[in-house]
């Protein structure tokens, strides 16, 4: 379609499955196969010109160096994400790359840049109507604003996110939202 390689019938599902398998392996602690699957999916989606899938696979791949504490690899992936976001035209893909950059830079402790990336990502996800990924932006924004010491804004983000998660019915994330609420209650000296 439009000069983009389309591959064999069912290629989209197969490549998406590869990316998802990499994500699952990553969270099962199987880093070596996870990295291999995710790197391959980034390469295949790049060949196909599928910007949203490249960005999602890169986002998923970025979790590996975070888990390993591999700052050099994380920096290289951030550089790749920066270059891609300047090339890409798809808003969802750009939003995903910004989400990845925000997550990675949060780990470095640069909260102002983290917030800038995440707010831009959230705005783009709002424009494309991706509420699930807006909740991801909120979670990282919550962490960054709390780390900056802005408890009021952190609490507002948390409440907004929890309402959105409940509306969407995303149970695993609701669990994390409740844990984050417990952190805020503890900070307000409300242990009960």
C-alpha atoms as a PDB file:
ATOM      1  CA  UNK A   1       0.000   0.000   0.000  1.00  0.00           C
ATOM      2  CA  UNK A   2       1.560   3.311  -1.083  1.00  0.00           C
ATOM      3  CA  UNK A   3       5.031   1.782  -1.595  1.00  0.00           C
ATOM      4  CA  UNK A   4       5.090   0.118   1.837  1.00  0.00           C
ATOM      5  CA  UNK A   5       6.048  -3.547   1.958  1.00  0.00           C
ATOM      6  CA  UNK A   6       3.022  -5.617   2.914  1.00  0.00           C
ATOM      7  CA  UNK A   7       4.533  -9.067   3.366  1.00  0.00           C
ATOM      8  CA  UNK A   8       2.673 -12.389   3.385  1.00  0.00           C
ATOM      9  CA  UNK A   9      -0.977 -12.787   4.334  1.00  0.00           C
ATOM     10  CA  UNK A  10      -1.330 -12.535   8.117  1.00  0.00           C
ATOM     11  CA  UNK A  11       1.968 -10.651   8.524  1.00  0.00           C
ATOM     12  CA  UNK A  12       0.432  -7.983  10.726  1.00  0.00           C
ATOM     13  CA  UNK A  13      -0.855 -10.544  13.207  1.00  0.00           C
ATOM     14  CA  UNK A  14       2.405 -12.522  13.144  1.00  0.00           C
ATOM     15  CA  UNK A  15       4.593  -9.491  13.752  1.00  0.00           C
ATOM     16  CA  UNK A  16       2.265  -8.165  16.419  1.00  0.00           C
ATOM     17  CA  UNK A  17       2.360 -11.574  18.094  1.00  0.00           C
ATOM     18  CA  UNK A  18       6.164 -11.440  18.022  1.00  0.00           C
ATOM     19  CA  UNK A  19       6.141  -8.048  19.718  1.00  0.00           C
ATOM     20  CA  UNK A  20       3.602  -9.213  22.322  1.00  0.00           C
ATOM     21  CA  UNK A  21       5.601 -12.404  22.967  1.00  0.00           C
ATOM     22  CA  UNK A  22       8.664 -10.213  23.580  1.00  0.00           C
ATOM     23  CA  UNK A  23       6.682  -8.086  26.027  1.00  0.00           C
ATOM     24  CA  UNK A  24       5.431 -11.175  27.881  1.00  0.00           C
ATOM     25  CA  UNK A  25       8.917 -12.705  28.020  1.00  0.00           C
ATOM     26  CA  UNK A  26      10.258  -9.445  29.408  1.00  0.00           C
ATOM     27  CA  UNK A  27       7.795  -9.464  32.298  1.00  0.00           C
ATOM     28  CA  UNK A  28       8.444 -13.124  32.996  1.00  0.00           C
ATOM     29  CA  UNK A  29      12.084 -12.218  33.537  1.00  0.00           C
ATOM     30  CA  UNK A  30      13.276 -13.911  30.342  1.00  0.00           C
ATOM     31  CA  UNK A  31      15.311 -10.937  29.179  1.00  0.00           C
ATOM     32  CA  UNK A  32      17.435 -12.567  26.481  1.00  0.00           C
ATOM     33  CA  UNK A  33      14.521 -13.973  24.425  1.00  0.00           C
ATOM     34  CA  UNK A  34      12.479 -10.840  25.127  1.00  0.00           C
ATOM     35  CA  UNK A  35      15.179  -8.566  23.754  1.00  0.00           C
ATOM     36  CA  UNK A  36      15.673 -10.800  20.696  1.00  0.00           C
ATOM     37  CA  UNK A  37      11.938 -10.840  19.896  1.00  0.00           C
ATOM     38  CA  UNK A  38      11.489  -7.117  20.447  1.00  0.00           C
ATOM     39  CA  UNK A  39      14.575  -6.148  18.439  1.00  0.00           C
ATOM     40  CA  UNK A  40      13.401  -8.356  15.586  1.00  0.00           C
ATOM     41  CA  UNK A  41       9.915  -6.861  15.706  1.00  0.00           C
ATOM     42  CA  UNK A  42      11.346  -3.321  15.601  1.00  0.00           C
ATOM     43  CA  UNK A  43      13.347  -4.291  12.519  1.00  0.00           C
ATOM     44  CA  UNK A  44      10.456  -5.997  10.746  1.00  0.00           C
ATOM     45  CA  UNK A  45       8.001  -3.190  11.432  1.00  0.00           C
ATOM     46  CA  UNK A  46      10.622  -0.693  10.252  1.00  0.00           C
ATOM     47  CA  UNK A  47      10.976  -2.618   6.972  1.00  0.00           C
ATOM     48  CA  UNK A  48       7.218  -2.565   6.581  1.00  0.00           C
ATOM     49  CA  UNK A  49       6.962   1.137   7.351  1.00  0.00           C
ATOM     50  CA  UNK A  50       4.452   0.504  10.149  1.00  0.00           C
ATOM     51  CA  UNK A  51       5.222   3.504  12.368  1.00  0.00           C
ATOM     52  CA  UNK A  52       2.839   2.740  15.269  1.00  0.00           C
ATOM     53  CA  UNK A  53       4.149  -0.813  15.572  1.00  0.00           C
ATOM     54  CA  UNK A  54       7.791   0.316  15.396  1.00  0.00           C
ATOM     55  CA  UNK A  55       7.101   2.782  18.208  1.00  0.00           C
ATOM     56  CA  UNK A  56       5.253   0.242  20.360  1.00  0.00           C
ATOM     57  CA  UNK A  57       7.970  -2.379  19.909  1.00  0.00           C
ATOM     58  CA  UNK A  58      10.648   0.200  20.740  1.00  0.00           C
ATOM     59  CA  UNK A  59       8.685   1.254  23.843  1.00  0.00           C
ATOM     60  CA  UNK A  60       8.476  -2.386  24.934  1.00  0.00           C
ATOM     61  CA  UNK A  61      12.155  -2.966  24.150  1.00  0.00           C
ATOM     62  CA  UNK A  62      13.057   0.071  26.263  1.00  0.00           C
ATOM     63  CA  UNK A  63      11.852  -1.710  29.389  1.00  0.00           C
ATOM     64  CA  UNK A  64      14.695  -4.257  29.129  1.00  0.00           C
ATOM     65  CA  UNK A  65      17.572  -1.834  29.806  1.00  0.00           C
ATOM     66  CA  UNK A  66      15.476  -0.243  32.558  1.00  0.00           C
ATOM     67  CA  UNK A  67      15.150  -3.650  34.245  1.00  0.00           C
ATOM     68  CA  UNK A  68      18.843  -4.379  33.691  1.00  0.00           C
ATOM     69  CA  UNK A  69      20.077  -0.935  34.709  1.00  0.00           C
ATOM     70  CA  UNK A  70      21.831  -0.729  31.322  1.00  0.00           C
ATOM     71  CA  UNK A  71      22.066   3.052  30.919  1.00  0.00           C
ATOM     72  CA  UNK A  72      24.184   2.806  27.770  1.00  0.00           C
ATOM     73  CA  UNK A  73      21.595   0.706  25.934  1.00  0.00           C
ATOM     74  CA  UNK A  74      18.782   2.906  27.231  1.00  0.00           C
ATOM     75  CA  UNK A  75      20.572   6.012  25.958  1.00  0.00           C
ATOM     76  CA  UNK A  76      21.010   4.406  22.517  1.00  0.00           C
ATOM     77  CA  UNK A  77      17.301   3.549  22.380  1.00  0.00           C
ATOM     78  CA  UNK A  78      16.428   7.115  23.412  1.00  0.00           C
ATOM     79  CA  UNK A  79      18.577   8.456  20.584  1.00  0.00           C
ATOM     80  CA  UNK A  80      16.805   6.112  18.180  1.00  0.00           C
ATOM     81  CA  UNK A  81      13.413   7.228  19.486  1.00  0.00           C
ATOM     82  CA  UNK A  82      14.379  10.913  19.116  1.00  0.00           C
ATOM     83  CA  UNK A  83      15.452  10.344  15.508  1.00  0.00           C
ATOM     84  CA  UNK A  84      12.281   8.404  14.682  1.00  0.00           C
ATOM     85  CA  UNK A  85       9.943  10.981  16.184  1.00  0.00           C
ATOM     86  CA  UNK A  86      11.425  13.587  13.839  1.00  0.00           C
ATOM     87  CA  UNK A  87      10.884  11.275  10.840  1.00  0.00           C
ATOM     88  CA  UNK A  88       7.487   9.829  11.684  1.00  0.00           C
ATOM     89  CA  UNK A  89       4.226  11.425  10.603  1.00  0.00           C
ATOM     90  CA  UNK A  90       1.800   9.118  12.422  1.00  0.00           C
ATOM     91  CA  UNK A  91       0.571  10.865  15.595  1.00  0.00           C
ATOM     92  CA  UNK A  92       0.024   7.622  17.505  1.00  0.00           C
ATOM     93  CA  UNK A  93       3.597   6.529  16.756  1.00  0.00           C
ATOM     94  CA  UNK A  94       5.023   9.889  17.797  1.00  0.00           C
ATOM     95  CA  UNK A  95       2.964   9.788  21.002  1.00  0.00           C
ATOM     96  CA  UNK A  96       4.317   6.321  21.802  1.00  0.00           C
ATOM     97  CA  UNK A  97       7.898   7.446  21.239  1.00  0.00           C
ATOM     98  CA  UNK A  98       7.317  10.454  23.514  1.00  0.00           C
ATOM     99  CA  UNK A  99       5.868   8.140  26.152  1.00  0.00           C
ATOM    100  CA  UNK A 100       8.988   5.976  25.927  1.00  0.00           C
ATOM    101  CA  UNK A 101      11.256   9.021  26.179  1.00  0.00           C
ATOM    102  CA  UNK A 102       9.315  10.325  29.179  1.00  0.00           C
ATOM    103  CA  UNK A 103       9.602   6.957  30.924  1.00  0.00           C
ATOM    104  CA  UNK A 104      13.334   6.695  30.206  1.00  0.00           C
ATOM    105  CA  UNK A 105      14.132  10.252  31.259  1.00  0.00           C
ATOM    106  CA  UNK A 106      12.080   9.842  34.444  1.00  0.00           C
ATOM    107  CA  UNK A 107      14.514   7.089  35.363  1.00  0.00           C
ATOM    108  CA  UNK A 108      17.357   9.610  34.933  1.00  0.00           C
ATOM    109  CA  UNK A 109      15.657  12.074  37.286  1.00  0.00           C
ATOM    110  CA  UNK A 110      15.133  14.885  34.756  1.00  0.00           C
ATOM    111  CA  UNK A 111      11.558  15.635  35.817  1.00  0.00           C
ATOM    112  CA  UNK A 112      11.015  18.777  33.742  1.00  0.00           C
ATOM    113  CA  UNK A 113      11.926  17.022  30.479  1.00  0.00           C
ATOM    114  CA  UNK A 114       9.944  13.971  31.576  1.00  0.00           C
ATOM    115  CA  UNK A 115       6.833  16.083  32.125  1.00  0.00           C
ATOM    116  CA  UNK A 116       7.288  17.927  28.819  1.00  0.00           C
ATOM    117  CA  UNK A 117       7.533  14.654  26.851  1.00  0.00           C
ATOM    118  CA  UNK A 118       4.637  13.051  28.704  1.00  0.00           C
ATOM    119  CA  UNK A 119       2.318  16.031  28.344  1.00  0.00           C
ATOM    120  CA  UNK A 120       3.010  16.154  24.608  1.00  0.00           C
ATOM    121  CA  UNK A 121       2.408  12.404  24.410  1.00  0.00           C
ATOM    122  CA  UNK A 122      -0.864  12.688  26.346  1.00  0.00           C
ATOM    123  CA  UNK A 123      -2.077  15.473  24.034  1.00  0.00           C
ATOM    124  CA  UNK A 124      -1.385  13.337  20.958  1.00  0.00           C
ATOM    125  CA  UNK A 125      -3.072  10.289  22.496  1.00  0.00           C
ATOM    126  CA  UNK A 126      -6.096  12.477  23.266  1.00  0.00           C
ATOM    127  CA  UNK A 127      -6.201  13.553  19.613  1.00  0.00           C
ATOM    128  CA  UNK A 128      -6.153   9.954  18.368  1.00  0.00           C
ATOM    129  CA  UNK A 129      -8.588   8.812  21.079  1.00  0.00           C
ATOM    130  CA  UNK A 130      -6.308   6.290  22.822  1.00  0.00           C
ATOM    131  CA  UNK A 131      -7.589   6.445  26.403  1.00  0.00           C
ATOM    132  CA  UNK A 132      -5.615   3.378  27.538  1.00  0.00           C
ATOM    133  CA  UNK A 133      -2.321   5.015  26.685  1.00  0.00           C
ATOM    134  CA  UNK A 134      -3.453   8.283  28.241  1.00  0.00           C
ATOM    135  CA  UNK A 135      -3.588   6.343  31.514  1.00  0.00           C
ATOM    136  CA  UNK A 136       0.047   5.316  30.968  1.00  0.00           C
ATOM    137  CA  UNK A 137       1.002   8.974  30.511  1.00  0.00           C
ATOM    138  CA  UNK A 138      -0.860   9.859  33.704  1.00  0.00           C
ATOM    139  CA  UNK A 139       1.006   7.226  35.704  1.00  0.00           C
ATOM    140  CA  UNK A 140       4.420   8.502  34.651  1.00  0.00           C
ATOM    141  CA  UNK A 141       3.299  12.129  35.020  1.00  0.00           C
ATOM    142  CA  UNK A 142       2.128  11.300  38.536  1.00  0.00           C
ATOM    143  CA  UNK A 143       5.558   9.900  39.408  1.00  0.00           C
ATOM    144  CA  UNK A 144       7.406  12.879  37.914  1.00  0.00           C
ATOM    145  CA  UNK A 145       5.261  15.540  39.577  1.00  0.00           C
ATOM    146  CA  UNK A 146       5.439  13.730  42.896  1.00  0.00           C
ATOM    147  CA  UNK A 147       9.235  13.484  42.586  1.00  0.00           C
ATOM    148  CA  UNK A 148       9.302  17.236  41.925  1.00  0.00           C
ATOM    149  CA  UNK A 149       7.429  17.756  45.169  1.00  0.00           C
ATOM    150  CA  UNK A 150       4.158  18.956  43.606  1.00  0.00           C
ATOM    151  CA  UNK A 151       1.806  16.796  45.666  1.00  0.00           C
ATOM    152  CA  UNK A 152      -1.300  18.759  44.693  1.00  0.00           C
ATOM    153  CA  UNK A 153      -0.779  18.233  40.966  1.00  0.00           C
ATOM    154  CA  UNK A 154       0.287  14.626  41.541  1.00  0.00           C
ATOM    155  CA  UNK A 155      -2.932  13.969  43.431  1.00  0.00           C
ATOM    156  CA  UNK A 156      -5.054  15.609  40.703  1.00  0.00           C
ATOM    157  CA  UNK A 157      -3.349  13.450  38.049  1.00  0.00           C
ATOM    158  CA  UNK A 158      -3.855  10.367  40.169  1.00  0.00           C
ATOM    159  CA  UNK A 159      -7.573  11.019  40.665  1.00  0.00           C
ATOM    160  CA  UNK A 160      -8.076  11.748  36.965  1.00  0.00           C
ATOM    161  CA  UNK A 161      -6.220   8.574  36.069  1.00  0.00           C
ATOM    162  CA  UNK A 162      -8.095   6.380  38.528  1.00  0.00           C
ATOM    163  CA  UNK A 163     -11.451   7.625  37.215  1.00  0.00           C
ATOM    164  CA  UNK A 164     -10.350   6.951  33.638  1.00  0.00           C
ATOM    165  CA  UNK A 165      -9.058   3.467  34.535  1.00  0.00           C
ATOM    166  CA  UNK A 166     -12.335   2.631  36.294  1.00  0.00           C
ATOM    167  CA  UNK A 167     -14.347   3.912  33.326  1.00  0.00           C
ATOM    168  CA  UNK A 168     -12.258   1.791  30.969  1.00  0.00           C
ATOM    169  CA  UNK A 169     -12.366  -1.215  33.316  1.00  0.00           C
ATOM    170  CA  UNK A 170      -8.623  -1.885  33.071  1.00  0.00           C
ATOM    171  CA  UNK A 171      -8.318  -3.943  36.248  1.00  0.00           C
ATOM    172  CA  UNK A 172      -4.548  -4.498  36.511  1.00  0.00           C
ATOM    173  CA  UNK A 173      -3.928  -0.759  36.167  1.00  0.00           C
ATOM    174  CA  UNK A 174      -6.754   0.030  38.613  1.00  0.00           C
ATOM    175  CA  UNK A 175      -4.752  -1.996  41.124  1.00  0.00           C
ATOM    176  CA  UNK A 176      -1.701   0.197  40.529  1.00  0.00           C
ATOM    177  CA  UNK A 177      -3.872   3.312  40.699  1.00  0.00           C
ATOM    178  CA  UNK A 178      -5.088   2.226  44.128  1.00  0.00           C
ATOM    179  CA  UNK A 179      -1.508   1.614  45.255  1.00  0.00           C
ATOM    180  CA  UNK A 180      -0.595   5.102  44.061  1.00  0.00           C
ATOM    181  CA  UNK A 181      -3.602   6.456  45.985  1.00  0.00           C
ATOM    182  CA  UNK A 182      -2.277   4.716  49.094  1.00  0.00           C
ATOM    183  CA  UNK A 183       1.079   6.472  48.605  1.00  0.00           C
ATOM    184  CA  UNK A 184      -0.690   9.833  48.417  1.00  0.00           C
ATOM    185  CA  UNK A 185      -2.738   9.049  51.540  1.00  0.00           C
ATOM    186  CA  UNK A 186       0.442   8.164  53.407  1.00  0.00           C
ATOM    187  CA  UNK A 187       2.037  11.425  52.324  1.00  0.00           C
ATOM    188  CA  UNK A 188      -1.019  13.276  53.695  1.00  0.00           C
ATOM    189  CA  UNK A 189      -0.596  11.448  57.049  1.00  0.00           C
ATOM    190  CA  UNK A 190      -3.787   9.444  56.471  1.00  0.00           C
ATOM    191  CA  UNK A 191      -2.600   5.899  57.188  1.00  0.00           C
ATOM    192  CA  UNK A 192      -6.113   4.453  57.573  1.00  0.00           C
END
